[in-house]
C-alpha atoms as a PDB file:
ATOM      1  CA  UNK A   1     162.772 178.816   0.832  1.00  0.00           C
ATOM      2  CA  UNK A   2     163.840 177.155   3.876  1.00  0.00           C
ATOM      3  CA  UNK A   3     165.850 173.734   3.853  1.00  0.00           C
ATOM      4  CA  UNK A   4     165.030 171.013   6.351  1.00  0.00           C
ATOM      5  CA  UNK A   5     167.833 170.353   8.783  1.00  0.00           C
ATOM      6  CA  UNK A   6     168.705 166.733   8.756  1.00  0.00           C
ATOM      7  CA  UNK A   7     170.281 165.284  11.814  1.00  0.00           C
ATOM      8  CA  UNK A   8     171.535 161.664  12.036  1.00  0.00           C
ATOM      9  CA  UNK A   9     170.947 160.080  15.364  1.00  0.00           C
ATOM     10  CA  UNK A  10     173.297 157.396  16.593  1.00  0.00           C
ATOM     11  CA  UNK A  11     171.502 154.131  17.262  1.00  0.00           C
ATOM     12  CA  UNK A  12     171.999 152.550  20.683  1.00  0.00           C
ATOM     13  CA  UNK A  13     172.773 148.968  20.690  1.00  0.00           C
ATOM     14  CA  UNK A  14     169.838 146.838  22.011  1.00  0.00           C
ATOM     15  CA  UNK A  15     169.896 146.209  25.736  1.00  0.00           C
ATOM     16  CA  UNK A  16     171.132 142.894  26.828  1.00  0.00           C
ATOM     17  CA  UNK A  17     168.241 140.834  28.320  1.00  0.00           C
ATOM     18  CA  UNK A  18     168.949 139.550  31.670  1.00  0.00           C
ATOM     19  CA  UNK A  19     167.325 136.205  32.590  1.00  0.00           C
ATOM     20  CA  UNK A  20     166.909 134.380  35.620  1.00  0.00           C
ATOM     21  CA  UNK A  21     169.462 131.586  36.406  1.00  0.00           C
ATOM     22  CA  UNK A  22     168.830 128.527  34.279  1.00  0.00           C
ATOM     23  CA  UNK A  23     166.844 130.446  31.625  1.00  0.00           C
ATOM     24  CA  UNK A  24     167.813 131.107  27.953  1.00  0.00           C
ATOM     25  CA  UNK A  25     165.960 132.492  24.967  1.00  0.00           C
ATOM     26  CA  UNK A  26     164.502 129.163  23.986  1.00  0.00           C
ATOM     27  CA  UNK A  27     162.803 128.628  27.373  1.00  0.00           C
ATOM     28  CA  UNK A  28     161.374 132.027  27.274  1.00  0.00           C
ATOM     29  CA  UNK A  29     159.891 131.501  23.782  1.00  0.00           C
ATOM     30  CA  UNK A  30     158.495 128.163  24.902  1.00  0.00           C
ATOM     31  CA  UNK A  31     156.974 129.590  27.866  1.00  0.00           C
ATOM     32  CA  UNK A  32     155.368 132.337  25.990  1.00  0.00           C
ATOM     33  CA  UNK A  33     154.121 129.790  23.440  1.00  0.00           C
ATOM     34  CA  UNK A  34     152.681 127.555  26.088  1.00  0.00           C
ATOM     35  CA  UNK A  35     150.521 130.444  27.586  1.00  0.00           C
ATOM     36  CA  UNK A  36     149.620 131.955  24.102  1.00  0.00           C
ATOM     37  CA  UNK A  37     148.232 128.539  23.139  1.00  0.00           C
ATOM     38  CA  UNK A  38     145.936 127.950  26.258  1.00  0.00           C
ATOM     39  CA  UNK A  39     142.375 128.155  25.995  1.00  0.00           C
ATOM     40  CA  UNK A  40     140.333 130.158  28.345  1.00  0.00           C
ATOM     41  CA  UNK A  41     139.295 126.892  30.191  1.00  0.00           C
ATOM     42  CA  UNK A  42     142.939 125.812  30.550  1.00  0.00           C
ATOM     43  CA  UNK A  43     144.007 129.216  31.756  1.00  0.00           C
ATOM     44  CA  UNK A  44     141.255 129.365  34.396  1.00  0.00           C
ATOM     45  CA  UNK A  45     141.922 125.717  35.597  1.00  0.00           C
ATOM     46  CA  UNK A  46     145.768 126.618  36.037  1.00  0.00           C
ATOM     47  CA  UNK A  47     144.813 129.744  37.837  1.00  0.00           C
ATOM     48  CA  UNK A  48     142.336 128.105  40.218  1.00  0.00           C
ATOM     49  CA  UNK A  49     144.920 125.194  40.895  1.00  0.00           C
ATOM     50  CA  UNK A  50     147.452 127.976  41.836  1.00  0.00           C
ATOM     51  CA  UNK A  51     145.006 129.049  44.506  1.00  0.00           C
ATOM     52  CA  UNK A  52     144.996 125.866  46.308  1.00  0.00           C
ATOM     53  CA  UNK A  53     148.751 125.606  46.890  1.00  0.00           C
ATOM     54  CA  UNK A  54     149.224 124.798  50.495  1.00  0.00           C
ATOM     55  CA  UNK A  55     151.273 127.151  52.663  1.00  0.00           C
ATOM     56  CA  UNK A  56     150.886 130.221  50.168  1.00  0.00           C
ATOM     57  CA  UNK A  57     148.348 133.054  49.795  1.00  0.00           C
ATOM     58  CA  UNK A  58     147.311 135.054  46.898  1.00  0.00           C
ATOM     59  CA  UNK A  59     146.255 138.665  47.539  1.00  0.00           C
ATOM     60  CA  UNK A  60     145.758 142.072  45.851  1.00  0.00           C
ATOM     61  CA  UNK A  61     147.925 144.755  47.431  1.00  0.00           C
ATOM     62  CA  UNK A  62     148.304 148.565  46.396  1.00  0.00           C
ATOM     63  CA  UNK A  63     151.023 148.806  43.971  1.00  0.00           C
ATOM     64  CA  UNK A  64     153.173 151.183  45.783  1.00  0.00           C
ATOM     65  CA  UNK A  65     153.587 148.567  48.674  1.00  0.00           C
ATOM     66  CA  UNK A  66     155.040 145.897  46.200  1.00  0.00           C
ATOM     67  CA  UNK A  67     158.665 146.893  46.485  1.00  0.00           C
ATOM     68  CA  UNK A  68     158.294 146.702  50.446  1.00  0.00           C
ATOM     69  CA  UNK A  69     156.701 143.427  50.348  1.00  0.00           C
ATOM     70  CA  UNK A  70     159.429 142.061  48.018  1.00  0.00           C
ATOM     71  CA  UNK A  71     161.951 143.307  50.443  1.00  0.00           C
ATOM     72  CA  UNK A  72     160.243 141.653  53.388  1.00  0.00           C
ATOM     73  CA  UNK A  73     160.044 138.452  51.347  1.00  0.00           C
ATOM     74  CA  UNK A  74     163.699 138.611  50.474  1.00  0.00           C
ATOM     75  CA  UNK A  75     164.761 139.394  54.109  1.00  0.00           C
ATOM     76  CA  UNK A  76     162.733 136.376  55.371  1.00  0.00           C
ATOM     77  CA  UNK A  77     164.304 133.956  52.662  1.00  0.00           C
ATOM     78  CA  UNK A  78     167.701 135.211  53.998  1.00  0.00           C
ATOM     79  CA  UNK A  79     166.850 134.504  57.667  1.00  0.00           C
END
């Protein structure tokens, strides 16, 4: 009869969540609750109003280009 070999794995400590400056866990939970409680009509109205922000554009780009676009934006902000 074979016996099962038992191994104990060391548990890794949970990763520390890095939040943007000015954010804390409560703000994250409040933001999640806000969006989770929106109706479809409210969600659509918020989306449509974002499309009307003057001086900014929304567009779809291939995912592989996103890092290069972010780098370009960061470079421009620093200029």
